[in-house]
């Protein structure tokens, strides 16, 4: 299972719930599509029982300090990250620019594109590429704290309220 989250915006309750949820689902990796905001959140993310990949969001101002703090987890934040996980080719990008999101999904280069920014939970498919926005872990805009799980064995994805 691949855990997917975004837009945690310093909400420690949401982060704790997401970490507990992902640990209970035996995830092999968690992908965070940005807007962590503050470095102090690393304390909660360190409780994950799996690898953690994260990109910068448009509200992540303390980039140097975020990278210093998250380096203890082996995490290096970038603006966009491409990776392979098992047989999957994955791209993680915050989603500030919609045209980039869709260009990545339409490129046929990736099996999965993870994005955030809009705070709107959505799973769609563009050609053979899954496009997943897990919504917001913080719950500030929609009132719902959501994350997503992707089952890489059968390529099914689902949004969960935590």
N, C-alpha and C. Protein backbone atom coordinates (compact mmCIF):
# COMPACT_ATOMS: atom_id res chain seq x y z
N UNK A 1 0.83 -1.18 0.00
CA UNK A 1 0.00 0.00 0.00
C UNK A 1 0.87 1.24 0.00
N UNK A 2 0.42 2.22 -0.75
CA UNK A 2 1.10 3.51 -0.81
C UNK A 2 0.18 4.53 -0.16
N UNK A 3 0.68 5.20 0.87
CA UNK A 3 -0.07 6.26 1.53
C UNK A 3 0.17 7.57 0.82
N UNK A 4 -0.88 8.36 0.68
CA UNK A 4 -0.78 9.64 -0.01
C UNK A 4 -1.48 10.71 0.84
N UNK A 5 -0.76 11.81 1.05
CA UNK A 5 -1.33 12.92 1.82
C UNK A 5 -0.81 14.23 1.28
N UNK A 6 -1.45 15.32 1.68
CA UNK A 6 -1.02 16.64 1.24
C UNK A 6 -1.61 17.69 2.17
N UNK A 7 -1.07 18.88 2.06
CA UNK A 7 -1.62 20.05 2.74
C UNK A 7 -1.92 19.80 4.21
N UNK A 8 -0.90 19.42 4.95
CA UNK A 8 -1.06 19.19 6.39
C UNK A 8 -1.01 20.51 7.17
N UNK A 9 -0.38 21.54 6.63
CA UNK A 9 -0.42 22.90 7.19
C UNK A 9 -0.30 22.96 8.71
N UNK A 10 0.70 22.28 9.26
CA UNK A 10 0.99 22.33 10.70
C UNK A 10 -0.09 21.73 11.59
N UNK A 11 -1.11 21.11 11.05
CA UNK A 11 -2.18 20.57 11.87
C UNK A 11 -1.71 19.25 12.49
N UNK A 12 -1.21 19.35 13.72
CA UNK A 12 -0.62 18.17 14.37
C UNK A 12 -1.64 17.07 14.59
N UNK A 13 -2.89 17.42 14.88
CA UNK A 13 -3.93 16.39 15.04
C UNK A 13 -4.12 15.62 13.73
N UNK A 14 -4.20 16.34 12.63
CA UNK A 14 -4.35 15.69 11.32
C UNK A 14 -3.15 14.83 10.97
N UNK A 15 -1.96 15.33 11.25
CA UNK A 15 -0.74 14.57 10.97
C UNK A 15 -0.71 13.30 11.81
N UNK A 16 -1.02 13.42 13.10
CA UNK A 16 -1.05 12.23 13.98
C UNK A 16 -2.03 11.19 13.46
N UNK A 17 -3.23 11.65 13.09
CA UNK A 17 -4.25 10.72 12.59
C UNK A 17 -3.79 10.06 11.29
N UNK A 18 -3.16 10.82 10.42
CA UNK A 18 -2.65 10.26 9.16
C UNK A 18 -1.57 9.22 9.43
N UNK A 19 -0.64 9.53 10.31
CA UNK A 19 0.44 8.59 10.64
C UNK A 19 -0.14 7.31 11.23
N UNK A 20 -1.07 7.44 12.17
CA UNK A 20 -1.70 6.25 12.76
C UNK A 20 -2.43 5.43 11.70
N UNK A 21 -3.15 6.11 10.81
CA UNK A 21 -3.88 5.43 9.75
C UNK A 21 -2.92 4.66 8.85
N UNK A 22 -1.88 5.34 8.36
CA UNK A 22 -0.93 4.68 7.45
C UNK A 22 -0.22 3.53 8.14
N UNK A 23 0.16 3.69 9.39
CA UNK A 23 0.82 2.59 10.12
C UNK A 23 -0.13 1.40 10.28
N UNK A 24 -1.42 1.66 10.45
CA UNK A 24 -2.38 0.56 10.62
C UNK A 24 -2.66 -0.15 9.30
N UNK A 25 -2.36 0.49 8.17
CA UNK A 25 -2.61 -0.10 6.85
C UNK A 25 -1.35 -0.73 6.26
N UNK A 26 -0.30 -0.79 7.02
CA UNK A 26 0.94 -1.43 6.58
C UNK A 26 1.44 -0.84 5.26
N UNK A 27 1.49 0.48 5.20
CA UNK A 27 1.99 1.14 4.00
C UNK A 27 3.49 0.95 3.86
N UNK A 28 3.94 0.86 2.63
CA UNK A 28 5.37 0.70 2.37
C UNK A 28 6.05 2.05 2.15
N UNK A 29 5.25 3.08 1.84
CA UNK A 29 5.78 4.41 1.60
C UNK A 29 4.62 5.40 1.75
N UNK A 30 4.95 6.60 2.23
CA UNK A 30 3.97 7.69 2.27
C UNK A 30 4.51 8.82 1.41
N UNK A 31 3.66 9.30 0.50
CA UNK A 31 3.99 10.40 -0.38
C UNK A 31 3.20 11.63 0.08
N UNK A 32 3.90 12.72 0.37
CA UNK A 32 3.26 13.96 0.83
C UNK A 32 3.44 15.01 -0.26
N UNK A 33 2.34 15.56 -0.75
CA UNK A 33 2.39 16.51 -1.86
C UNK A 33 2.52 17.97 -1.43
N UNK A 34 3.13 18.22 -0.30
CA UNK A 34 3.53 19.57 0.06
C UNK A 34 2.60 20.34 0.98
N UNK A 35 3.11 21.49 1.39
CA UNK A 35 2.52 22.37 2.40
C UNK A 35 2.51 21.71 3.78
N UNK A 36 3.68 21.26 4.16
CA UNK A 36 3.91 20.81 5.54
C UNK A 36 3.91 22.05 6.44
N UNK A 37 4.57 23.08 6.03
CA UNK A 37 4.74 24.40 6.61
C UNK A 37 5.92 24.47 7.58
N UNK A 38 5.80 23.92 8.79
CA UNK A 38 6.84 24.13 9.80
C UNK A 38 7.67 22.88 10.08
N UNK A 39 8.95 23.11 10.33
CA UNK A 39 9.85 22.00 10.63
C UNK A 39 9.50 21.21 11.89
N UNK A 40 8.78 21.82 12.84
CA UNK A 40 8.48 21.09 14.08
C UNK A 40 7.59 19.88 13.86
N UNK A 41 6.95 19.78 12.70
CA UNK A 41 6.08 18.65 12.41
C UNK A 41 6.84 17.34 12.21
N UNK A 42 8.15 17.43 12.02
CA UNK A 42 8.95 16.22 11.80
C UNK A 42 8.79 15.23 12.96
N UNK A 43 8.58 15.73 14.16
CA UNK A 43 8.41 14.86 15.33
C UNK A 43 7.28 13.85 15.11
N UNK A 44 6.19 14.30 14.50
CA UNK A 44 5.06 13.40 14.25
C UNK A 44 5.31 12.50 13.04
N UNK A 45 5.89 13.06 11.98
CA UNK A 45 6.16 12.25 10.79
C UNK A 45 7.19 11.15 11.07
N UNK A 46 8.07 11.36 12.04
CA UNK A 46 9.07 10.33 12.38
C UNK A 46 8.42 9.07 12.93
N UNK A 47 7.18 9.13 13.33
CA UNK A 47 6.47 7.96 13.87
C UNK A 47 5.97 7.03 12.77
N UNK A 48 6.14 7.42 11.51
CA UNK A 48 5.76 6.54 10.40
C UNK A 48 6.64 5.29 10.40
N UNK A 49 6.04 4.16 10.10
CA UNK A 49 6.76 2.89 10.03
C UNK A 49 7.21 2.56 8.61
N UNK A 50 7.38 3.58 7.79
CA UNK A 50 7.75 3.36 6.39
C UNK A 50 8.53 4.57 5.87
N UNK A 51 8.95 4.47 4.62
CA UNK A 51 9.64 5.59 3.99
C UNK A 51 8.69 6.76 3.81
N UNK A 52 9.26 7.97 3.78
CA UNK A 52 8.48 9.19 3.64
C UNK A 52 9.11 10.07 2.57
N UNK A 53 8.33 10.39 1.56
CA UNK A 53 8.76 11.25 0.47
C UNK A 53 7.87 12.49 0.49
N UNK A 54 8.47 13.66 0.35
CA UNK A 54 7.69 14.89 0.41
C UNK A 54 8.25 15.93 -0.55
N UNK A 55 7.37 16.72 -1.13
CA UNK A 55 7.78 17.84 -1.96
C UNK A 55 7.39 19.15 -1.26
N UNK A 56 8.01 20.23 -1.69
CA UNK A 56 7.64 21.54 -1.18
C UNK A 56 6.30 21.97 -1.77
N UNK A 57 5.51 22.67 -0.97
CA UNK A 57 4.30 23.32 -1.44
C UNK A 57 4.53 24.81 -1.52
N UNK A 58 3.55 25.53 -2.01
CA UNK A 58 3.70 26.98 -2.17
C UNK A 58 3.76 27.72 -0.84
N UNK A 59 3.37 27.10 0.26
CA UNK A 59 3.41 27.75 1.57
C UNK A 59 4.60 27.31 2.42
N UNK A 60 5.46 26.48 1.89
CA UNK A 60 6.64 26.01 2.63
C UNK A 60 7.77 27.01 2.48
N UNK A 61 7.86 27.95 3.42
CA UNK A 61 8.86 29.01 3.33
C UNK A 61 10.22 28.66 3.91
N UNK A 62 10.24 27.83 4.91
CA UNK A 62 11.49 27.48 5.58
C UNK A 62 12.14 26.25 4.94
N UNK A 63 12.44 26.35 3.67
CA UNK A 63 12.92 25.20 2.91
C UNK A 63 14.21 24.61 3.46
N UNK A 64 15.17 25.45 3.79
CA UNK A 64 16.44 24.95 4.31
C UNK A 64 16.24 24.22 5.63
N UNK A 65 15.46 24.81 6.53
CA UNK A 65 15.23 24.18 7.84
C UNK A 65 14.38 22.93 7.71
N UNK A 66 13.39 22.95 6.82
CA UNK A 66 12.60 21.73 6.60
C UNK A 66 13.52 20.59 6.16
N UNK A 67 14.43 20.86 5.23
CA UNK A 67 15.34 19.80 4.78
C UNK A 67 16.28 19.36 5.88
N UNK A 68 16.75 20.28 6.70
CA UNK A 68 17.62 19.89 7.82
C UNK A 68 16.89 18.97 8.77
N UNK A 69 15.67 19.33 9.16
CA UNK A 69 14.91 18.53 10.13
C UNK A 69 14.47 17.18 9.55
N UNK A 70 14.02 17.18 8.30
CA UNK A 70 13.52 15.94 7.71
C UNK A 70 14.65 15.02 7.24
N UNK A 71 15.87 15.51 7.21
CA UNK A 71 17.00 14.66 6.81
C UNK A 71 17.20 13.51 7.80
N UNK A 72 16.76 13.66 9.05
CA UNK A 72 16.87 12.58 10.03
C UNK A 72 16.03 11.37 9.62
N UNK A 73 15.04 11.61 8.75
CA UNK A 73 14.20 10.52 8.24
C UNK A 73 14.69 10.03 6.89
N UNK A 74 15.77 10.62 6.39
CA UNK A 74 16.26 10.27 5.07
C UNK A 74 15.44 10.94 3.98
N UNK A 75 14.72 12.00 4.34
CA UNK A 75 13.84 12.70 3.40
C UNK A 75 14.51 13.99 2.95
N UNK A 76 14.56 14.20 1.64
CA UNK A 76 15.07 15.43 1.03
C UNK A 76 13.92 16.03 0.23
N UNK A 77 13.41 17.16 0.65
CA UNK A 77 12.31 17.80 -0.06
C UNK A 77 12.82 18.53 -1.29
N UNK A 78 12.06 18.44 -2.37
CA UNK A 78 12.34 19.12 -3.63
C UNK A 78 11.03 19.73 -4.12
N UNK A 79 11.08 20.50 -5.19
CA UNK A 79 9.85 21.06 -5.76
C UNK A 79 9.04 20.00 -6.49
N UNK A 80 9.73 19.04 -7.07
CA UNK A 80 9.09 17.94 -7.79
C UNK A 80 9.99 16.72 -7.64
N UNK A 81 9.39 15.56 -7.42
CA UNK A 81 10.18 14.34 -7.23
C UNK A 81 9.64 13.26 -8.16
N UNK A 82 10.54 12.62 -8.88
CA UNK A 82 10.22 11.42 -9.66
C UNK A 82 10.89 10.25 -8.98
N UNK A 83 10.18 9.14 -8.85
CA UNK A 83 10.76 7.97 -8.21
C UNK A 83 10.12 6.71 -8.76
N UNK A 84 10.77 5.61 -8.49
CA UNK A 84 10.20 4.31 -8.79
C UNK A 84 9.97 3.61 -7.47
N UNK A 85 8.81 3.00 -7.34
CA UNK A 85 8.47 2.24 -6.15
C UNK A 85 7.88 0.92 -6.64
N UNK A 86 8.63 -0.15 -6.42
CA UNK A 86 8.25 -1.41 -7.03
C UNK A 86 8.30 -1.25 -8.53
N UNK A 87 7.21 -1.57 -9.19
CA UNK A 87 7.13 -1.43 -10.65
C UNK A 87 6.54 -0.09 -11.09
N UNK A 88 6.16 0.74 -10.12
CA UNK A 88 5.48 1.99 -10.45
C UNK A 88 6.43 3.15 -10.67
N UNK A 89 6.14 3.93 -11.69
CA UNK A 89 6.85 5.19 -11.93
C UNK A 89 5.94 6.29 -11.39
N UNK A 90 6.48 7.05 -10.44
CA UNK A 90 5.66 8.01 -9.69
C UNK A 90 6.27 9.40 -9.77
N UNK A 91 5.39 10.39 -9.86
CA UNK A 91 5.80 11.79 -9.77
C UNK A 91 4.98 12.45 -8.67
N UNK A 92 5.66 13.21 -7.81
CA UNK A 92 4.98 13.96 -6.74
C UNK A 92 5.28 15.43 -6.97
N UNK A 93 4.22 16.22 -7.05
CA UNK A 93 4.32 17.67 -7.31
C UNK A 93 3.16 18.34 -6.56
N UNK A 94 3.42 19.46 -5.91
CA UNK A 94 2.37 20.09 -5.11
C UNK A 94 1.14 20.43 -5.94
N UNK A 95 1.33 20.98 -7.12
CA UNK A 95 0.19 21.25 -7.97
C UNK A 95 -0.16 22.72 -8.10
N UNK A 96 0.78 23.58 -7.73
CA UNK A 96 0.53 25.01 -7.80
C UNK A 96 0.10 25.45 -9.20
N UNK A 97 0.69 24.85 -10.20
CA UNK A 97 0.36 25.18 -11.58
C UNK A 97 -0.36 24.01 -12.23
N UNK A 98 -1.66 24.19 -12.47
CA UNK A 98 -2.49 23.13 -13.03
C UNK A 98 -1.94 22.58 -14.34
N UNK A 99 -1.43 23.45 -15.20
CA UNK A 99 -0.94 22.99 -16.50
C UNK A 99 0.22 22.02 -16.35
N UNK A 100 1.02 22.19 -15.31
CA UNK A 100 2.12 21.25 -15.07
C UNK A 100 1.57 19.91 -14.59
N UNK A 101 0.58 19.95 -13.71
CA UNK A 101 -0.05 18.71 -13.22
C UNK A 101 -0.53 17.87 -14.40
N UNK A 102 -1.27 18.49 -15.30
CA UNK A 102 -1.84 17.74 -16.41
C UNK A 102 -0.79 17.35 -17.45
N UNK A 103 0.21 18.16 -17.61
CA UNK A 103 1.31 17.79 -18.53
C UNK A 103 2.03 16.55 -18.00
N UNK A 104 2.25 16.47 -16.69
CA UNK A 104 2.88 15.30 -16.10
C UNK A 104 2.02 14.05 -16.29
N UNK A 105 0.73 14.20 -16.04
CA UNK A 105 -0.19 13.05 -16.17
C UNK A 105 -0.32 12.61 -17.62
N UNK A 106 -0.33 13.55 -18.54
CA UNK A 106 -0.50 13.22 -19.96
C UNK A 106 0.79 12.77 -20.63
N UNK A 107 1.91 12.89 -19.94
CA UNK A 107 3.21 12.58 -20.55
C UNK A 107 3.42 11.10 -20.82
N UNK A 108 2.64 10.25 -20.19
CA UNK A 108 2.79 8.79 -20.27
C UNK A 108 4.08 8.30 -19.64
N UNK A 109 4.76 9.18 -18.95
CA UNK A 109 6.01 8.83 -18.29
C UNK A 109 5.77 8.20 -16.92
N UNK A 110 4.59 8.48 -16.34
CA UNK A 110 4.31 8.04 -14.98
C UNK A 110 3.07 7.16 -14.92
N UNK A 111 3.08 6.23 -13.97
CA UNK A 111 1.89 5.43 -13.66
C UNK A 111 1.00 6.17 -12.66
N UNK A 112 1.64 7.00 -11.83
CA UNK A 112 0.94 7.71 -10.77
C UNK A 112 1.51 9.12 -10.65
N UNK A 113 0.63 10.11 -10.67
CA UNK A 113 1.01 11.49 -10.38
C UNK A 113 0.23 11.89 -9.13
N UNK A 114 0.97 12.33 -8.12
CA UNK A 114 0.38 12.76 -6.84
C UNK A 114 0.49 14.26 -6.78
N UNK A 115 -0.64 14.90 -6.44
CA UNK A 115 -0.65 16.36 -6.33
C UNK A 115 -1.49 16.79 -5.14
N UNK A 116 -1.40 18.04 -4.79
CA UNK A 116 -2.19 18.62 -3.71
C UNK A 116 -2.66 20.00 -4.13
N UNK A 117 -2.45 20.97 -3.25
CA UNK A 117 -2.67 22.40 -3.47
C UNK A 117 -4.14 22.82 -3.44
N UNK A 118 -5.03 22.15 -4.12
CA UNK A 118 -6.43 22.58 -4.21
C UNK A 118 -7.22 22.23 -2.96
N UNK A 119 -6.71 21.31 -2.14
CA UNK A 119 -7.38 20.80 -0.94
C UNK A 119 -8.63 19.98 -1.29
N UNK A 120 -8.80 19.65 -2.55
CA UNK A 120 -9.97 18.90 -2.99
C UNK A 120 -9.56 17.46 -3.31
N UNK A 121 -10.12 16.51 -2.56
CA UNK A 121 -9.81 15.10 -2.77
C UNK A 121 -10.37 14.63 -4.10
N UNK A 122 -9.51 13.98 -4.88
CA UNK A 122 -9.93 13.53 -6.20
C UNK A 122 -9.00 12.43 -6.71
N UNK A 123 -9.61 11.42 -7.28
CA UNK A 123 -8.87 10.37 -7.97
C UNK A 123 -9.40 10.31 -9.39
N UNK A 124 -8.50 10.43 -10.35
CA UNK A 124 -8.92 10.35 -11.74
C UNK A 124 -7.86 9.59 -12.53
N UNK A 125 -8.18 9.33 -13.75
CA UNK A 125 -7.26 8.63 -14.63
C UNK A 125 -7.17 9.40 -15.93
N UNK A 126 -5.93 9.67 -16.34
CA UNK A 126 -5.68 10.34 -17.61
C UNK A 126 -4.87 9.35 -18.44
N UNK A 127 -5.52 8.76 -19.42
CA UNK A 127 -4.88 7.67 -20.16
C UNK A 127 -4.65 6.53 -19.19
N UNK A 128 -3.42 6.08 -19.08
CA UNK A 128 -3.08 4.99 -18.16
C UNK A 128 -2.53 5.51 -16.83
N UNK A 129 -2.51 6.83 -16.64
CA UNK A 129 -1.92 7.43 -15.45
C UNK A 129 -2.97 7.79 -14.41
N UNK A 130 -2.76 7.31 -13.19
CA UNK A 130 -3.61 7.72 -12.08
C UNK A 130 -3.16 9.09 -11.62
N UNK A 131 -4.11 9.99 -11.38
CA UNK A 131 -3.86 11.30 -10.83
C UNK A 131 -4.60 11.34 -9.50
N UNK A 132 -3.82 11.48 -8.41
CA UNK A 132 -4.42 11.43 -7.08
C UNK A 132 -4.12 12.71 -6.32
N UNK A 133 -5.19 13.36 -5.87
CA UNK A 133 -5.10 14.46 -4.93
C UNK A 133 -5.82 13.96 -3.68
N UNK A 134 -5.08 13.76 -2.58
CA UNK A 134 -5.70 13.20 -1.38
C UNK A 134 -6.56 14.18 -0.60
N UNK A 135 -6.62 15.44 -1.07
CA UNK A 135 -7.37 16.45 -0.32
C UNK A 135 -6.46 17.09 0.70
N UNK A 136 -7.00 17.43 1.84
CA UNK A 136 -6.23 18.12 2.86
C UNK A 136 -6.18 17.34 4.16
N UNK A 137 -4.98 17.15 4.67
CA UNK A 137 -4.82 16.49 5.95
C UNK A 137 -5.21 17.43 7.09
N UNK A 138 -5.12 18.73 6.84
CA UNK A 138 -5.42 19.73 7.88
C UNK A 138 -6.91 19.93 8.11
N UNK A 139 -7.72 19.80 7.09
CA UNK A 139 -9.16 20.02 7.22
C UNK A 139 -9.58 21.47 7.31
N UNK A 140 -8.69 22.39 7.05
CA UNK A 140 -8.99 23.82 7.24
C UNK A 140 -10.00 24.37 6.25
N UNK A 141 -9.97 23.95 5.02
CA UNK A 141 -10.83 24.54 3.99
C UNK A 141 -12.13 23.75 3.83
N UNK A 142 -12.02 22.44 3.72
CA UNK A 142 -13.21 21.62 3.48
C UNK A 142 -13.89 21.13 4.76
N UNK A 143 -13.16 21.21 5.87
CA UNK A 143 -13.69 20.67 7.11
C UNK A 143 -13.49 19.16 7.22
N UNK A 144 -12.84 18.56 6.23
CA UNK A 144 -12.58 17.12 6.22
C UNK A 144 -11.08 16.87 6.18
N UNK A 145 -10.59 16.04 7.06
CA UNK A 145 -9.18 15.62 7.04
C UNK A 145 -9.12 14.33 6.25
N UNK A 146 -8.49 14.40 5.07
CA UNK A 146 -8.49 13.23 4.18
C UNK A 146 -7.08 12.85 3.74
N UNK A 147 -6.93 11.58 3.44
CA UNK A 147 -5.72 11.00 2.87
C UNK A 147 -6.17 9.97 1.83
N UNK A 148 -5.22 9.41 1.11
CA UNK A 148 -5.56 8.38 0.12
C UNK A 148 -4.64 7.19 0.29
N UNK A 149 -5.13 6.05 -0.14
CA UNK A 149 -4.33 4.82 -0.21
C UNK A 149 -4.40 4.30 -1.63
N UNK A 150 -3.26 3.89 -2.13
CA UNK A 150 -3.20 3.25 -3.45
C UNK A 150 -2.69 1.83 -3.25
N UNK A 151 -3.48 0.88 -3.72
CA UNK A 151 -3.07 -0.51 -3.70
C UNK A 151 -2.33 -0.77 -5.02
N UNK A 152 -1.02 -0.89 -4.95
CA UNK A 152 -0.23 -1.05 -6.17
C UNK A 152 -0.41 -2.42 -6.81
N UNK A 153 -0.93 -3.38 -6.07
CA UNK A 153 -1.14 -4.72 -6.63
C UNK A 153 -2.24 -4.72 -7.68
N UNK A 154 -3.34 -4.00 -7.40
CA UNK A 154 -4.44 -3.97 -8.38
C UNK A 154 -4.72 -2.56 -8.90
N UNK A 155 -3.86 -1.61 -8.57
CA UNK A 155 -3.98 -0.22 -9.01
C UNK A 155 -5.36 0.36 -8.71
N UNK A 156 -5.77 0.17 -7.47
CA UNK A 156 -7.00 0.80 -7.00
C UNK A 156 -6.63 1.85 -5.96
N UNK A 157 -7.38 2.93 -5.93
CA UNK A 157 -7.10 4.00 -4.98
C UNK A 157 -8.40 4.44 -4.34
N UNK A 158 -8.28 4.91 -3.09
CA UNK A 158 -9.47 5.35 -2.37
C UNK A 158 -9.10 6.48 -1.42
N UNK A 159 -10.03 7.42 -1.25
CA UNK A 159 -9.89 8.53 -0.32
C UNK A 159 -10.49 8.11 1.01
N UNK A 160 -9.82 8.44 2.11
CA UNK A 160 -10.31 8.12 3.45
C UNK A 160 -10.34 9.38 4.30
N UNK A 161 -11.42 9.53 5.05
CA UNK A 161 -11.49 10.60 6.03
C UNK A 161 -10.88 10.07 7.33
N UNK A 162 -9.97 10.83 7.90
CA UNK A 162 -9.27 10.35 9.11
C UNK A 162 -9.75 11.12 10.34
